[in-house]
Amino acid sequence: MRKRKVTYPTAKTANKPARTVGLPSNPGYVRTTVATINLAALEIRDDLSVGDRVRIGSEGLYSGESAVVESIVVGVIPAAMVRTEAGKTRRVRSVDLERLPAGG
């Protein structure tokens, strides 16, 4: 008795549509899944100290709020533990902090 010929189903990628936008030949195209890295975040800031009033910049939680530096966190990316005016604490990269005048 002869063996039957084995048939395999078509691959799921066989019916994938062709890419029309953002071909690698376009130098201005940046994929949406690529993360951007801010190399300025690696620099250590000597102008921050415990007790300084700062404004949280960049994007994210508590953005734009003023806070007080509670501690400086040393690591690969320098950061600070800050307490906002609402009483919430958060660890923020030091590059995202903007000093405020002491009296304000």
C-alpha atoms as a PDB file:
ATOM      1  CA  MET A   1       0.000   0.000   0.000  1.00  0.00           C
ATOM      2  CA  ARG A   2       1.360   3.454  -0.943  1.00  0.00           C
ATOM      3  CA  LYS A   3       1.648   6.343   1.494  1.00  0.00           C
ATOM      4  CA  ARG A   4      -0.554   9.336   0.877  1.00  0.00           C
ATOM      5  CA  LYS A   5       1.114  12.609   0.031  1.00  0.00           C
ATOM      6  CA  VAL A   6       1.244  14.928   3.050  1.00  0.00           C
ATOM      7  CA  THR A   7      -0.308  18.363   2.545  1.00  0.00           C
ATOM      8  CA  TYR A   8       0.638  21.218   4.829  1.00  0.00           C
ATOM      9  CA  PRO A   9      -1.572  24.267   5.475  1.00  0.00           C
ATOM     10  CA  THR A  10      -0.437  27.591   4.060  1.00  0.00           C
ATOM     11  CA  ALA A  11       1.584  29.795   6.385  1.00  0.00           C
ATOM     12  CA  LYS A  12      -0.299  32.492   8.261  1.00  0.00           C
ATOM     13  CA  THR A  13       2.192  35.054   6.973  1.00  0.00           C
ATOM     14  CA  ALA A  14       1.406  34.155   3.366  1.00  0.00           C
ATOM     15  CA  ASN A  15      -1.609  36.486   3.270  1.00  0.00           C
ATOM     16  CA  LYS A  16       0.107  39.366   5.071  1.00  0.00           C
ATOM     17  CA  PRO A  17      -0.395  42.684   3.227  1.00  0.00           C
ATOM     18  CA  ALA A  18       2.635  44.408   1.736  1.00  0.00           C
ATOM     19  CA  ARG A  19       4.117  47.396   3.605  1.00  0.00           C
ATOM     20  CA  THR A  20       3.384  50.624   1.816  1.00  0.00           C
ATOM     21  CA  VAL A  21       4.374  53.238   4.419  1.00  0.00           C
ATOM     22  CA  GLY A  22       7.773  53.705   5.997  1.00  0.00           C
ATOM     23  CA  LEU A  23       9.885  51.512   3.825  1.00  0.00           C
ATOM     24  CA  PRO A  24      13.520  51.209   4.921  1.00  0.00           C
ATOM     25  CA  SER A  25      14.534  53.241   1.884  1.00  0.00           C
ATOM     26  CA  ASN A  26      12.843  56.306   3.435  1.00  0.00           C
ATOM     27  CA  PRO A  27      15.517  57.893   5.724  1.00  0.00           C
ATOM     28  CA  GLY A  28      12.995  60.027   7.674  1.00  0.00           C
ATOM     29  CA  TYR A  29      10.870  57.098   8.796  1.00  0.00           C
ATOM     30  CA  VAL A  30      11.004  56.089  12.466  1.00  0.00           C
ATOM     31  CA  ARG A  31       9.127  52.982  13.540  1.00  0.00           C
ATOM     32  CA  THR A  32       6.463  53.534  16.170  1.00  0.00           C
ATOM     33  CA  THR A  33       7.887  50.750  18.346  1.00  0.00           C
ATOM     34  CA  VAL A  34      11.334  52.333  18.679  1.00  0.00           C
ATOM     35  CA  ALA A  35      12.126  53.921  22.040  1.00  0.00           C
ATOM     36  CA  THR A  36      13.975  57.217  22.174  1.00  0.00           C
ATOM     37  CA  ILE A  37      16.755  57.575  24.711  1.00  0.00           C
ATOM     38  CA  ASN A  38      17.666  60.910  26.260  1.00  0.00           C
ATOM     39  CA  LEU A  39      21.445  60.726  26.763  1.00  0.00           C
ATOM     40  CA  ALA A  40      21.367  63.941  28.796  1.00  0.00           C
ATOM     41  CA  ALA A  41      19.739  61.899  31.585  1.00  0.00           C
ATOM     42  CA  LEU A  42      23.099  60.247  32.291  1.00  0.00           C
ATOM     43  CA  GLU A  43      24.723  63.509  33.375  1.00  0.00           C
ATOM     44  CA  ILE A  44      25.006  64.181  37.107  1.00  0.00           C
ATOM     45  CA  ARG A  45      23.556  67.509  38.246  1.00  0.00           C
ATOM     46  CA  ASP A  46      25.451  69.236  41.011  1.00  0.00           C
ATOM     47  CA  ASP A  47      22.925  72.061  41.384  1.00  0.00           C
ATOM     48  CA  LEU A  48      20.295  69.901  43.136  1.00  0.00           C
ATOM     49  CA  SER A  49      20.343  69.226  46.860  1.00  0.00           C
ATOM     50  CA  VAL A  50      17.945  67.965  49.504  1.00  0.00           C
ATOM     51  CA  GLY A  51      15.294  70.563  50.356  1.00  0.00           C
ATOM     52  CA  ASP A  52      15.367  72.362  46.994  1.00  0.00           C
ATOM     53  CA  ARG A  53      12.079  73.345  45.400  1.00  0.00           C
ATOM     54  CA  VAL A  54      11.721  71.969  41.877  1.00  0.00           C
ATOM     55  CA  ARG A  55       9.146  71.655  39.113  1.00  0.00           C
ATOM     56  CA  ILE A  56       8.647  68.234  37.540  1.00  0.00           C
ATOM     57  CA  GLY A  57       9.099  68.515  33.798  1.00  0.00           C
ATOM     58  CA  SER A  58       8.831  66.114  30.878  1.00  0.00           C
ATOM     59  CA  GLU A  59       5.721  63.969  30.489  1.00  0.00           C
ATOM     60  CA  GLY A  60       4.035  61.606  32.863  1.00  0.00           C
ATOM     61  CA  LEU A  61       2.643  61.504  36.363  1.00  0.00           C
ATOM     62  CA  TYR A  62       2.754  64.823  38.273  1.00  0.00           C
ATOM     63  CA  SER A  63       4.117  66.655  35.221  1.00  0.00           C
ATOM     64  CA  GLY A  64       4.278  70.399  35.805  1.00  0.00           C
ATOM     65  CA  GLU A  65       3.770  70.174  39.588  1.00  0.00           C
ATOM     66  CA  SER A  66       6.119  71.781  42.064  1.00  0.00           C
ATOM     67  CA  ALA A  67       7.813  69.556  44.625  1.00  0.00           C
ATOM     68  CA  VAL A  68      10.563  69.395  47.250  1.00  0.00           C
ATOM     69  CA  VAL A  69      13.612  67.135  46.856  1.00  0.00           C
ATOM     70  CA  GLU A  70      13.670  64.601  49.711  1.00  0.00           C
ATOM     71  CA  SER A  71      16.687  62.554  48.647  1.00  0.00           C
ATOM     72  CA  ILE A  72      19.127  62.179  45.789  1.00  0.00           C
ATOM     73  CA  VAL A  73      19.296  58.692  44.263  1.00  0.00           C
ATOM     74  CA  VAL A  74      22.673  57.763  42.810  1.00  0.00           C
ATOM     75  CA  GLY A  75      22.732  55.236  39.997  1.00  0.00           C
ATOM     76  CA  VAL A  76      23.250  54.822  36.282  1.00  0.00           C
ATOM     77  CA  ILE A  77      20.586  57.448  35.687  1.00  0.00           C
ATOM     78  CA  PRO A  78      20.690  60.050  38.499  1.00  0.00           C
ATOM     79  CA  ALA A  79      17.305  60.671  40.063  1.00  0.00           C
ATOM     80  CA  ALA A  80      15.675  62.303  43.074  1.00  0.00           C
ATOM     81  CA  MET A  81      12.858  61.337  45.401  1.00  0.00           C
ATOM     82  CA  VAL A  82      10.492  64.295  45.483  1.00  0.00           C
ATOM     83  CA  ARG A  83       7.354  65.100  47.467  1.00  0.00           C
ATOM     84  CA  THR A  84       4.723  67.094  45.590  1.00  0.00           C
ATOM     85  CA  GLU A  85       2.534  69.780  47.141  1.00  0.00           C
ATOM     86  CA  ALA A  86      -0.261  67.198  47.252  1.00  0.00           C
ATOM     87  CA  GLY A  87       1.911  65.023  49.512  1.00  0.00           C
ATOM     88  CA  LYS A  88       2.672  62.313  46.937  1.00  0.00           C
ATOM     89  CA  THR A  89       6.228  61.003  46.569  1.00  0.00           C
ATOM     90  CA  ARG A  90       7.820  59.999  43.332  1.00  0.00           C
ATOM     91  CA  ARG A  91      11.221  59.126  41.923  1.00  0.00           C
ATOM     92  CA  VAL A  92      12.069  61.491  39.056  1.00  0.00           C
ATOM     93  CA  ARG A  93      15.093  61.602  36.765  1.00  0.00           C
ATOM     94  CA  SER A  94      17.212  64.597  37.663  1.00  0.00           C
ATOM     95  CA  VAL A  95      17.221  65.762  34.038  1.00  0.00           C
ATOM     96  CA  ASP A  96      13.415  66.236  34.314  1.00  0.00           C
ATOM     97  CA  LEU A  97      13.646  68.575  37.312  1.00  0.00           C
ATOM     98  CA  GLU A  98      13.684  72.364  37.001  1.00  0.00           C
ATOM     99  CA  ARG A  99      14.821  74.409  40.006  1.00  0.00           C
ATOM    100  CA  LEU A 100      12.412  76.992  41.406  1.00  0.00           C
ATOM    101  CA  PRO A 101      13.273  80.083  43.446  1.00  0.00           C
ATOM    102  CA  ALA A 102      13.529  79.320  47.169  1.00  0.00           C
ATOM    103  CA  GLY A 103      10.976  81.970  48.249  1.00  0.00           C
ATOM    104  CA  GLY A 104       8.214  81.109  45.735  1.00  0.00           C
END
